[in-house]
Amino acid sequence: MGRPRSRSTPRLHLLGRTSVADADFDVLILGAGSGGYACALRAAQLGLKVGLVEKGNLGGTCLHVGCIPTKALLHAAEVADSARESGQFGVNATFDGIDMPGVNAYKDGVVSRLFKGLTGLIKGRGITVIEGEGRLTGPKQVTVDGRAYTGTSVVLASGSYSKSLPGLDIDGTRVITSEHALRLETVPSSVIVLGGGVIGCEFASVWKSFGADVTIVEALPRLVAVEDEASSKALERAFRKRKIDFRVGTPFQSVKVTDDGVAVTVEGGDVIEAELLLVAVGRGPSTSGLGYEDQGVAMERGFVLADERCRTNVEGVFAVGDIVPGLQLAHRGFQQGIFVAEEIAGLDPRPIDEAGIPRVTYSHPEIASVGLDTAKAEEKYGADGIETVTYDLGGNGKSQILKTQGFVKLIRQKDGPVVGVHLVGDRVGELIGEAQLIYNWDAHAEDVAPLVHAHPTQNEALGEAHLALAGKALHAHS
């Protein structure tokens, strides 16, 4: 494993480029999360010799303690809501409660099947997996458990961890992170969620559906503050209707663990009590102690600085995923990994437009978006340089069937392309595929309006919104 090749038989890259003959690998990747394994698979597909270093399980945070298990919980929550509210559809059913061991078995089964599939893919592509904690010990060298491996190119993909706040200690029992939340064996009676971003809102949504009392504490002025203000306000209205309590513009001060839970003090002196405190204040880059700075890699606040081609300031060293400033999303890291593999192979891929990366919050209701929000569009083009239209899902047949409320909001440069698409409503995350094509291909409303959208689907709402933006509104809009 990782044995140096003979100098007399250097491995050939695509396009006739040769690797350094005495390197163990053409591409040596530190971290097997979404960015790392995507880079490994694409590089191997391109004929490069790949080493993949991972101290945990292949798949990283997203597969094991992030995207996949949380979305499994959210689906279980949707099923619980369907059972509880079945009467409105004329279906007689009863909701008898949540069997958390059963929910966890379902969740873990999904993860296990995907992990097995990924493991098979990695093995089938001839990728060398190096198990253990790796550390960058040279510009082209990673050391794992005392053994050094070299790569003509090195890709840093060490991922992220759940952050806390200064003085806020995570005990894993009463004060927990999302990783602990995924392993709970019972439904808590009450929860305080510290942080009203994507992770906080998703867990708040799950626990409310499971029957817990939920309070979100958020220091910023609104929930999911990275989204368009209209989307935030829509989610807040929906959460009020679901009786999810939230306090925005309310900084956390301290927490005290009590005999039967936690007592959280917020700015102003109010004390909120609950069984658990979930700390969901974002994720930090996992870079500490990995030797990056020692090897001269430029860093800022723990993040690895990289240019639009994912190159660090050290020749031959790339960085992808959550350790690079920007959106901490699995699909961003995944695409960056593919990009870097193609860059190393000399294919000159097109840089990724960060604004063109779709974003989804899988709460009930969902929020999805791509491109610029209203504030950023006004900043870029001026308040008079943009046009917006909002199509209410009340006019969409499938949304009526699903009994969901929300909207499609479009932002375009005046007389120009659509520069932002913002969606709110159950299942709207499934619409973001077409939305990101519209944004990334610089489509005008007049380009989309003539396209035929199947009826009855929620996808029609995108079509209707573009009809309205093109001046052909058939149903009510604002």
Protein backbone atom coordinates (compact mmCIF):
# COMPACT_ATOMS: atom_id res chain seq x y z
CA MET A 1 0.00 0.00 0.00
CA GLY A 2 1.48 3.32 -1.07
CA ARG A 3 4.72 1.67 -2.26
CA PRO A 4 6.94 4.02 -4.33
CA ARG A 5 6.93 3.24 -8.04
CA SER A 6 10.12 2.42 -9.91
CA ARG A 7 11.85 5.40 -11.43
CA SER A 8 12.01 3.52 -14.72
CA THR A 9 8.23 3.29 -14.99
CA PRO A 10 6.73 6.69 -14.19
CA ARG A 11 2.92 6.78 -14.25
CA LEU A 12 1.37 8.82 -17.06
CA HIS A 13 -1.33 11.40 -16.45
CA LEU A 14 -3.93 12.21 -19.06
CA LEU A 15 -2.79 14.55 -21.80
CA GLY A 16 0.68 13.00 -21.66
CA ARG A 17 1.77 14.72 -18.45
CA THR A 18 3.99 12.63 -16.17
CA SER A 19 4.03 12.53 -12.41
CA VAL A 20 7.07 12.87 -10.22
CA ALA A 21 8.53 9.38 -10.58
CA ASP A 22 9.32 8.78 -6.92
CA ALA A 23 5.98 9.93 -5.49
CA ASP A 24 3.75 7.32 -3.88
CA PHE A 25 0.66 8.83 -5.53
CA ASP A 26 -0.31 11.22 -8.27
CA VAL A 27 -2.98 12.61 -5.95
CA LEU A 28 -2.82 12.28 -2.16
CA ILE A 29 -6.00 13.38 -0.39
CA LEU A 30 -6.30 14.15 3.31
CA GLY A 31 -9.92 13.46 4.27
CA ALA A 32 -12.60 11.21 2.75
CA GLY A 33 -15.70 13.34 3.14
CA SER A 34 -17.75 14.62 0.22
CA GLY A 35 -14.90 16.68 -1.25
CA GLY A 36 -12.18 14.11 -0.64
CA TYR A 37 -13.95 11.04 -1.95
CA ALA A 38 -15.33 12.90 -5.00
CA CYS A 39 -11.81 14.02 -5.83
CA ALA A 40 -10.53 10.46 -5.36
CA LEU A 41 -13.21 8.88 -7.57
CA ARG A 42 -12.80 11.42 -10.38
CA ALA A 43 -9.00 11.31 -10.25
CA ALA A 44 -9.02 7.50 -10.43
CA GLN A 45 -11.47 7.71 -13.34
CA LEU A 46 -8.95 9.94 -15.10
CA GLY A 47 -6.21 7.34 -14.70
CA LEU A 48 -4.36 8.87 -11.76
CA LYS A 49 -2.96 6.88 -8.84
CA VAL A 50 -4.84 8.00 -5.74
CA GLY A 51 -4.18 7.78 -2.00
CA LEU A 52 -7.06 8.64 0.34
CA VAL A 53 -6.31 9.25 4.02
CA GLU A 54 -9.17 8.98 6.52
CA LYS A 55 -9.20 8.53 10.30
CA GLY A 56 -12.93 7.69 10.45
CA ASN A 57 -15.39 6.22 7.98
CA LEU A 58 -15.42 6.95 4.26
CA GLY A 59 -18.09 9.54 3.55
CA GLY A 60 -17.26 11.92 6.37
CA THR A 61 -19.66 14.21 8.19
CA CYS A 62 -22.37 14.37 5.51
CA LEU A 63 -22.92 10.64 5.23
CA HIS A 64 -22.49 9.64 8.87
CA VAL A 65 -23.44 12.57 11.12
CA GLY A 66 -24.77 15.27 8.79
CA CYS A 67 -26.90 15.52 5.65
CA ILE A 68 -28.05 11.93 5.29
CA PRO A 69 -29.03 10.99 8.87
CA THR A 70 -30.65 14.36 9.54
CA LYS A 71 -32.74 14.13 6.38
CA ALA A 72 -33.79 10.61 7.40
CA LEU A 73 -35.00 12.09 10.71
CA LEU A 74 -36.82 14.83 8.81
CA HIS A 75 -38.60 12.25 6.68
CA ALA A 76 -39.62 10.32 9.80
CA ALA A 77 -40.93 13.64 11.15
CA GLU A 78 -42.95 14.13 7.95
CA VAL A 79 -44.46 10.67 8.37
CA ALA A 80 -45.35 11.51 11.98
CA ASP A 81 -47.08 14.71 10.84
CA SER A 82 -48.94 12.80 8.11
CA ALA A 83 -50.22 10.28 10.66
CA ARG A 84 -51.18 12.99 13.15
CA GLU A 85 -52.96 15.08 10.51
CA SER A 86 -54.39 12.29 8.35
CA GLY A 87 -57.97 13.31 9.10
CA GLN A 88 -57.71 16.38 6.87
CA PHE A 89 -57.27 14.01 3.92
CA GLY A 90 -60.20 11.83 4.93
CA VAL A 91 -57.91 9.04 6.15
CA ASN A 92 -58.61 7.48 9.52
CA ALA A 93 -55.32 6.88 11.29
CA THR A 94 -53.93 7.29 14.77
CA PHE A 95 -50.62 8.65 15.94
CA ASP A 96 -49.37 6.61 18.87
CA GLY A 97 -45.98 8.25 19.33
CA ILE A 98 -42.36 7.96 18.25
CA ASP A 99 -40.31 4.79 18.64
CA MET A 100 -36.83 6.29 18.67
CA PRO A 101 -35.01 2.93 18.45
CA GLY A 102 -37.11 2.24 15.35
CA VAL A 103 -36.41 5.68 13.91
CA ASN A 104 -32.69 5.22 14.56
CA ALA A 105 -32.73 1.76 12.96
CA TYR A 106 -34.31 3.27 9.84
CA LYS A 107 -31.81 6.16 9.81
CA ASP A 108 -28.82 3.91 10.41
CA GLY A 109 -30.00 1.53 7.68
CA VAL A 110 -29.98 4.35 5.13
CA VAL A 111 -26.47 5.38 6.19
CA SER A 112 -25.23 1.79 6.17
CA ARG A 113 -26.44 1.10 2.64
CA LEU A 114 -24.89 4.27 1.28
CA PHE A 115 -21.64 3.61 3.14
CA LYS A 116 -21.47 0.10 1.71
CA GLY A 117 -22.03 1.47 -1.78
CA LEU A 118 -19.35 4.14 -1.38
CA THR A 119 -16.86 1.64 0.02
CA GLY A 120 -17.47 -0.59 -2.99
CA LEU A 121 -16.95 2.32 -5.40
CA ILE A 122 -13.67 3.33 -3.77
CA LYS A 123 -12.40 -0.26 -3.83
CA GLY A 124 -13.59 -0.81 -7.40
CA ARG A 125 -11.66 2.23 -8.65
CA GLY A 126 -8.39 0.93 -7.22
CA ILE A 127 -8.02 3.81 -4.76
CA THR A 128 -5.62 3.17 -1.87
CA VAL A 129 -7.35 3.97 1.41
CA ILE A 130 -4.90 4.83 4.20
CA GLU A 131 -6.63 4.47 7.56
CA GLY A 132 -5.51 6.72 10.36
CA GLU A 133 -5.07 10.37 11.28
CA GLY A 134 -2.98 12.14 8.69
CA ARG A 135 -0.84 15.25 9.10
CA LEU A 136 0.77 17.43 6.45
CA THR A 137 4.50 17.03 7.13
CA GLY A 138 5.86 18.41 3.86
CA PRO A 139 4.54 20.32 0.83
CA LYS A 140 3.88 16.98 -0.88
CA GLN A 141 3.90 14.69 2.17
CA VAL A 142 1.27 13.36 4.58
CA THR A 143 2.29 11.25 7.56
CA VAL A 144 -0.11 8.69 9.00
CA ASP A 145 0.75 6.77 12.16
CA GLY A 146 4.44 7.42 11.67
CA ARG A 147 4.59 6.49 7.99
CA ALA A 148 5.09 9.18 5.36
CA TYR A 149 3.28 9.14 2.01
CA THR A 150 3.97 11.49 -0.86
CA GLY A 151 1.87 12.85 -3.69
CA THR A 152 2.65 14.85 -6.79
CA SER A 153 -0.41 16.84 -5.78
CA VAL A 154 -1.91 17.00 -2.29
CA VAL A 155 -5.56 17.83 -1.61
CA LEU A 156 -6.59 19.06 1.84
CA ALA A 157 -10.16 17.97 2.60
CA SER A 158 -10.24 17.57 6.38
CA GLY A 159 -13.82 18.80 6.87
CA SER A 160 -15.47 20.53 9.82
CA TYR A 161 -16.71 20.09 13.37
CA SER A 162 -19.65 21.40 15.42
CA LYS A 163 -18.66 24.72 16.98
CA SER A 164 -19.56 26.01 20.41
CA LEU A 165 -19.32 29.43 22.05
CA PRO A 166 -16.65 30.65 24.47
CA GLY A 167 -17.37 29.26 27.92
CA LEU A 168 -20.10 26.95 26.65
CA ASP A 169 -19.07 23.39 27.44
CA ILE A 170 -20.61 20.47 25.56
CA ASP A 171 -21.25 17.55 27.94
CA GLY A 172 -22.97 15.30 25.40
CA THR A 173 -25.85 14.65 27.81
CA ARG A 174 -27.71 17.89 28.59
CA VAL A 175 -25.73 20.25 26.38
CA ILE A 176 -25.33 18.56 23.01
CA THR A 177 -24.31 19.05 19.38
CA SER A 178 -26.03 17.73 16.28
CA GLU A 179 -23.85 14.60 16.43
CA HIS A 180 -25.22 13.77 19.89
CA ALA A 181 -28.75 14.67 18.75
CA LEU A 182 -28.60 11.99 16.07
CA ARG A 183 -27.97 9.33 18.71
CA LEU A 184 -30.76 10.18 21.16
CA GLU A 185 -32.69 7.10 22.25
CA THR A 186 -35.75 9.01 23.45
CA VAL A 187 -37.64 12.10 22.33
CA PRO A 188 -36.88 14.96 24.73
CA SER A 189 -39.91 16.63 26.31
CA SER A 190 -38.45 20.07 25.64
CA VAL A 191 -35.43 21.48 23.82
CA ILE A 192 -33.70 24.82 23.51
CA VAL A 193 -31.98 25.17 20.15
CA LEU A 194 -29.13 27.67 20.26
CA GLY A 195 -28.83 28.90 16.69
CA GLY A 196 -31.50 29.60 14.10
CA GLY A 197 -29.53 28.64 11.04
CA VAL A 198 -30.00 25.58 8.83
CA ILE A 199 -29.00 22.96 11.42
CA GLY A 200 -30.95 24.57 14.24
CA CYS A 201 -34.13 25.00 12.20
CA GLU A 202 -33.98 21.44 10.87
CA PHE A 203 -33.65 19.89 14.33
CA ALA A 204 -36.30 22.23 15.72
CA SER A 205 -38.62 21.04 12.97
CA VAL A 206 -37.89 17.36 13.69
CA TRP A 207 -38.38 17.60 17.42
CA LYS A 208 -41.62 19.56 17.11
CA SER A 209 -42.99 16.89 14.78
CA PHE A 210 -41.87 14.25 17.28
CA GLY A 211 -43.85 16.01 20.04
CA ALA A 212 -41.26 18.09 21.90
CA ASP A 213 -41.64 21.71 23.02
CA VAL A 214 -39.03 23.70 21.10
CA THR A 215 -37.53 27.15 21.62
CA ILE A 216 -34.94 28.58 19.21
CA VAL A 217 -32.56 31.27 20.48
CA GLU A 218 -30.85 33.27 17.71
CA ALA A 219 -28.59 36.32 18.10
CA LEU A 220 -29.21 37.56 14.55
CA PRO A 221 -32.40 39.50 13.68
CA ARG A 222 -34.10 36.60 11.88
CA LEU A 223 -34.07 32.85 11.35
CA VAL A 224 -31.92 31.46 8.50
CA ALA A 225 -30.42 34.91 8.10
CA VAL A 226 -28.34 33.86 5.07
CA GLU A 227 -31.55 33.52 3.05
CA ASP A 228 -33.65 36.22 1.43
CA GLU A 229 -35.57 38.18 4.07
CA ALA A 230 -38.89 37.13 2.55
CA SER A 231 -37.94 33.46 2.97
CA SER A 232 -36.94 34.03 6.60
CA LYS A 233 -40.24 35.75 7.36
CA ALA A 234 -42.21 32.94 5.70
CA LEU A 235 -40.40 30.33 7.79
CA GLU A 236 -41.00 32.35 10.95
CA ARG A 237 -44.74 32.53 10.18
CA ALA A 238 -44.85 28.78 9.58
CA PHE A 239 -42.95 28.08 12.81
CA ARG A 240 -45.35 30.29 14.78
CA LYS A 241 -48.26 28.35 13.30
CA ARG A 242 -46.56 25.10 14.37
CA LYS A 243 -46.04 26.57 17.85
CA ILE A 244 -42.26 26.48 17.59
CA ASP A 245 -41.15 29.31 19.86
CA PHE A 246 -38.20 31.40 18.75
CA ARG A 247 -36.37 34.47 19.96
CA VAL A 248 -34.39 36.37 17.36
CA GLY A 249 -32.03 39.24 18.13
CA THR A 250 -31.39 37.47 21.43
CA PRO A 251 -27.76 36.63 22.25
CA PHE A 252 -26.97 33.71 24.54
CA GLN A 253 -25.31 34.50 27.86
CA SER A 254 -24.94 31.31 29.90
CA VAL A 255 -26.31 27.86 30.66
CA LYS A 256 -26.64 26.02 33.95
CA VAL A 257 -27.20 22.27 34.07
CA THR A 258 -29.96 21.46 36.57
CA ASP A 259 -31.21 18.23 38.12
CA ASP A 260 -33.69 17.66 35.30
CA GLY A 261 -32.32 19.69 32.39
CA VAL A 262 -30.81 23.05 31.57
CA ALA A 263 -31.51 26.69 32.40
CA VAL A 264 -30.37 29.08 29.69
CA THR A 265 -29.90 32.78 30.40
CA VAL A 266 -30.18 35.10 27.41
CA GLU A 267 -29.29 38.77 27.05
CA GLY A 268 -31.71 40.81 29.12
CA GLY A 269 -31.71 38.27 31.93
CA ASP A 270 -34.55 35.98 30.84
CA VAL A 271 -34.08 32.33 31.82
CA ILE A 272 -35.43 29.54 29.60
CA GLU A 273 -35.60 25.99 30.93
CA ALA A 274 -35.73 22.73 28.99
CA GLU A 275 -34.58 19.12 29.11
CA LEU A 276 -31.81 19.65 26.53
CA LEU A 277 -29.78 22.42 24.93
CA LEU A 278 -28.75 21.80 21.32
CA VAL A 279 -25.79 23.97 20.35
CA ALA A 280 -26.18 24.69 16.63
CA VAL A 281 -24.03 27.78 16.12
CA GLY A 282 -22.31 26.60 12.96
CA ARG A 283 -19.37 24.46 11.99
CA GLY A 284 -15.67 25.24 12.23
CA PRO A 285 -12.87 24.05 9.93
CA SER A 286 -11.04 20.91 11.10
CA THR A 287 -7.50 22.14 10.55
CA SER A 288 -5.97 22.44 14.01
CA GLY A 289 -2.88 20.30 14.56
CA LEU A 290 -2.78 18.99 10.99
CA GLY A 291 0.42 20.78 10.05
CA TYR A 292 -1.04 23.11 7.46
CA GLU A 293 0.43 26.31 8.88
CA ASP A 294 3.73 24.58 9.62
CA GLN A 295 4.09 23.90 5.89
CA GLY A 296 3.37 27.50 4.99
CA VAL A 297 -0.26 27.08 3.89
CA ALA A 298 -2.03 30.46 4.18
CA MET A 299 -4.77 30.38 6.83
CA GLU A 300 -7.37 32.74 8.25
CA ARG A 301 -9.41 32.01 11.40
CA GLY A 302 -8.62 28.33 10.95
CA PHE A 303 -9.77 28.24 7.32
CA VAL A 304 -7.44 27.38 4.43
CA LEU A 305 -7.28 30.17 1.90
CA ALA A 306 -7.65 29.03 -1.70
CA ASP A 307 -8.25 30.77 -5.01
CA GLU A 308 -11.08 30.14 -7.47
CA ARG A 309 -9.18 27.07 -8.73
CA CYS A 310 -8.97 25.65 -5.19
CA ARG A 311 -5.20 26.24 -5.12
CA THR A 312 -3.50 27.23 -1.89
CA ASN A 313 -0.42 29.45 -1.85
CA VAL A 314 1.76 26.30 -1.71
CA GLU A 315 2.52 24.86 -5.15
CA GLY A 316 0.73 21.57 -5.76
CA VAL A 317 -1.44 21.81 -2.62
CA PHE A 318 -5.21 22.21 -3.11
CA ALA A 319 -8.05 22.63 -0.59
CA VAL A 320 -11.74 21.72 -0.90
CA GLY A 321 -14.90 21.60 1.20
CA ASP A 322 -15.69 23.02 4.61
CA ILE A 323 -12.10 24.11 5.34
CA VAL A 324 -12.30 26.70 2.53
CA PRO A 325 -14.19 29.93 3.33
CA GLY A 326 -17.66 29.94 1.82
CA LEU A 327 -20.78 27.81 1.92
CA GLN A 328 -20.29 24.71 4.08
CA LEU A 329 -22.35 22.36 1.94
CA ALA A 330 -21.63 18.77 0.98
CA HIS A 331 -22.47 19.36 -2.68
CA ARG A 332 -20.07 22.31 -2.81
CA GLY A 333 -17.23 20.12 -1.52
CA PHE A 334 -18.27 17.31 -3.86
CA GLN A 335 -18.09 19.57 -6.92
CA GLN A 336 -14.84 21.15 -5.76
CA GLY A 337 -13.36 17.66 -5.43
CA ILE A 338 -14.29 16.85 -9.01
CA PHE A 339 -12.93 20.22 -10.13
CA VAL A 340 -9.55 19.63 -8.45
CA ALA A 341 -9.18 16.15 -9.95
CA GLU A 342 -9.79 17.59 -13.40
CA GLU A 343 -7.46 20.53 -12.69
CA ILE A 344 -4.67 18.15 -11.68
CA ALA A 345 -5.29 16.07 -14.81
CA GLY A 346 -4.89 19.18 -16.98
CA LEU A 347 -8.49 19.41 -18.19
CA ASP A 348 -8.80 23.14 -17.34
CA PRO A 349 -12.29 22.93 -15.77
CA ARG A 350 -14.45 26.03 -15.36
CA PRO A 351 -14.31 27.57 -11.85
CA ILE A 352 -17.36 27.16 -9.63
CA ASP A 353 -19.61 30.19 -9.17
CA GLU A 354 -20.30 30.21 -5.42
CA ALA A 355 -23.58 32.08 -5.91
CA GLY A 356 -24.67 29.33 -8.32
CA ILE A 357 -24.55 26.65 -5.62
CA PRO A 358 -28.08 25.67 -4.54
CA ARG A 359 -28.98 25.96 -0.85
CA VAL A 360 -31.74 24.00 0.92
CA THR A 361 -33.04 24.00 4.50
CA TYR A 362 -35.05 20.79 4.92
CA SER A 363 -37.38 22.02 7.64
CA HIS A 364 -41.18 21.94 7.47
CA PRO A 365 -41.68 23.97 5.31
CA GLU A 366 -38.49 23.81 3.26
CA ILE A 367 -36.48 26.80 2.03
CA ALA A 368 -34.44 26.56 -1.16
CA SER A 369 -32.52 29.19 -3.08
CA VAL A 370 -29.84 29.85 -5.66
CA GLY A 371 -28.18 33.06 -6.77
CA LEU A 372 -28.49 36.48 -5.13
CA ASP A 373 -30.99 37.53 -2.50
CA THR A 374 -32.74 40.91 -2.79
CA ALA A 375 -30.20 42.78 -0.66
CA LYS A 376 -27.20 41.47 -2.61
CA ALA A 377 -28.91 42.03 -5.95
CA GLU A 378 -29.65 45.65 -4.99
CA GLU A 379 -26.07 46.06 -3.83
CA LYS A 380 -24.78 44.77 -7.15
CA TYR A 381 -27.26 46.33 -9.60
CA GLY A 382 -28.90 49.11 -7.59
CA ALA A 383 -32.47 49.18 -6.24
CA ASP A 384 -33.70 50.44 -9.61
CA GLY A 385 -31.63 47.88 -11.50
CA ILE A 386 -33.60 44.79 -10.51
CA GLU A 387 -37.12 43.45 -10.85
CA THR A 388 -38.80 40.89 -8.61
CA VAL A 389 -41.91 38.78 -8.78
CA THR A 390 -43.41 36.50 -6.13
CA TYR A 391 -45.73 33.68 -7.15
CA ASP A 392 -47.80 32.30 -4.27
CA LEU A 393 -48.06 28.51 -4.07
CA GLY A 394 -51.77 29.03 -3.38
CA GLY A 395 -52.15 29.16 -7.15
CA ASN A 396 -50.34 25.84 -7.64
CA GLY A 397 -52.51 22.72 -7.83
CA LYS A 398 -49.99 20.24 -6.44
CA SER A 399 -49.20 22.52 -3.51
CA GLN A 400 -52.92 22.68 -2.74
CA ILE A 401 -53.05 18.88 -2.86
CA LEU A 402 -50.10 18.69 -0.46
CA LYS A 403 -51.64 21.42 1.71
CA THR A 404 -48.45 23.43 1.75
CA GLN A 405 -48.02 27.19 1.66
CA GLY A 406 -45.16 29.27 0.34
CA PHE A 407 -43.93 31.00 -2.76
CA VAL A 408 -41.51 31.24 -5.67
CA LYS A 409 -39.66 34.56 -5.68
CA LEU A 410 -37.62 35.57 -8.71
CA ILE A 411 -35.08 38.37 -8.92
CA ARG A 412 -33.72 39.52 -12.25
CA GLN A 413 -31.45 42.23 -13.50
CA LYS A 414 -33.74 44.73 -15.21
CA ASP A 415 -34.08 43.62 -18.83
CA GLY A 416 -31.52 40.93 -18.07
CA PRO A 417 -31.14 37.40 -16.72
CA VAL A 418 -32.64 35.90 -13.57
CA VAL A 419 -30.07 36.42 -10.80
CA GLY A 420 -31.89 34.85 -7.86
CA VAL A 421 -34.54 32.18 -7.22
CA HIS A 422 -36.02 31.77 -3.72
CA LEU A 423 -38.51 29.06 -2.78
CA VAL A 424 -40.52 28.29 0.35
CA GLY A 425 -42.88 25.34 0.85
CA ASP A 426 -42.87 21.62 1.51
CA ARG A 427 -40.69 19.70 -0.98
CA VAL A 428 -39.46 22.81 -2.81
CA GLY A 429 -35.91 21.50 -2.41
CA GLU A 430 -36.80 19.23 -5.33
CA LEU A 431 -37.36 22.31 -7.51
CA ILE A 432 -33.89 23.73 -7.02
CA GLY A 433 -32.45 21.64 -9.87
CA GLU A 434 -34.23 23.61 -12.56
CA ALA A 435 -33.71 26.84 -10.61
CA GLN A 436 -29.94 26.41 -10.54
CA LEU A 437 -29.90 25.77 -14.29
CA ILE A 438 -31.86 28.99 -14.84
CA TYR A 439 -29.34 30.95 -12.76
CA ASN A 440 -26.16 29.26 -13.95
CA TRP A 441 -27.12 29.49 -17.62
CA ASP A 442 -28.01 33.20 -17.32
CA ALA A 443 -31.55 32.52 -18.49
CA HIS A 444 -34.00 35.37 -19.05
CA ALA A 445 -37.62 35.07 -17.95
CA GLU A 446 -38.53 35.05 -21.63
CA ASP A 447 -36.36 31.95 -22.10
CA VAL A 448 -38.11 29.98 -19.37
CA ALA A 449 -41.69 31.16 -19.84
CA PRO A 450 -42.31 29.13 -23.07
CA LEU A 451 -41.01 25.88 -21.53
CA VAL A 452 -43.72 23.34 -20.75
CA HIS A 453 -43.96 22.30 -17.10
CA ALA A 454 -45.89 19.14 -16.26
CA HIS A 455 -49.30 19.53 -14.62
CA PRO A 456 -50.00 19.11 -11.76
CA THR A 457 -46.55 19.52 -10.26
CA GLN A 458 -44.98 22.05 -7.94
CA ASN A 459 -42.51 22.56 -10.78
CA GLU A 460 -45.30 24.45 -12.55
CA ALA A 461 -44.89 27.21 -9.96
CA LEU A 462 -41.45 27.97 -11.39
CA GLY A 463 -42.96 28.17 -14.85
CA GLU A 464 -45.82 30.41 -13.71
CA ALA A 465 -43.41 32.72 -11.88
CA HIS A 466 -41.35 33.13 -15.04
CA LEU A 467 -44.51 33.78 -17.06
CA ALA A 468 -45.32 36.55 -14.59
CA LEU A 469 -41.80 37.97 -14.77
CA ALA A 470 -42.05 37.94 -18.58
CA GLY A 471 -45.29 39.94 -18.35
CA LYS A 472 -47.57 37.01 -19.11
CA ALA A 473 -49.05 36.35 -15.64
CA LEU A 474 -52.01 33.96 -15.82
CA HIS A 475 -52.61 33.69 -12.07
CA ALA A 476 -52.28 36.10 -9.20
CA HIS A 477 -48.80 37.22 -8.22
CA SER A 478 -47.21 40.07 -6.32
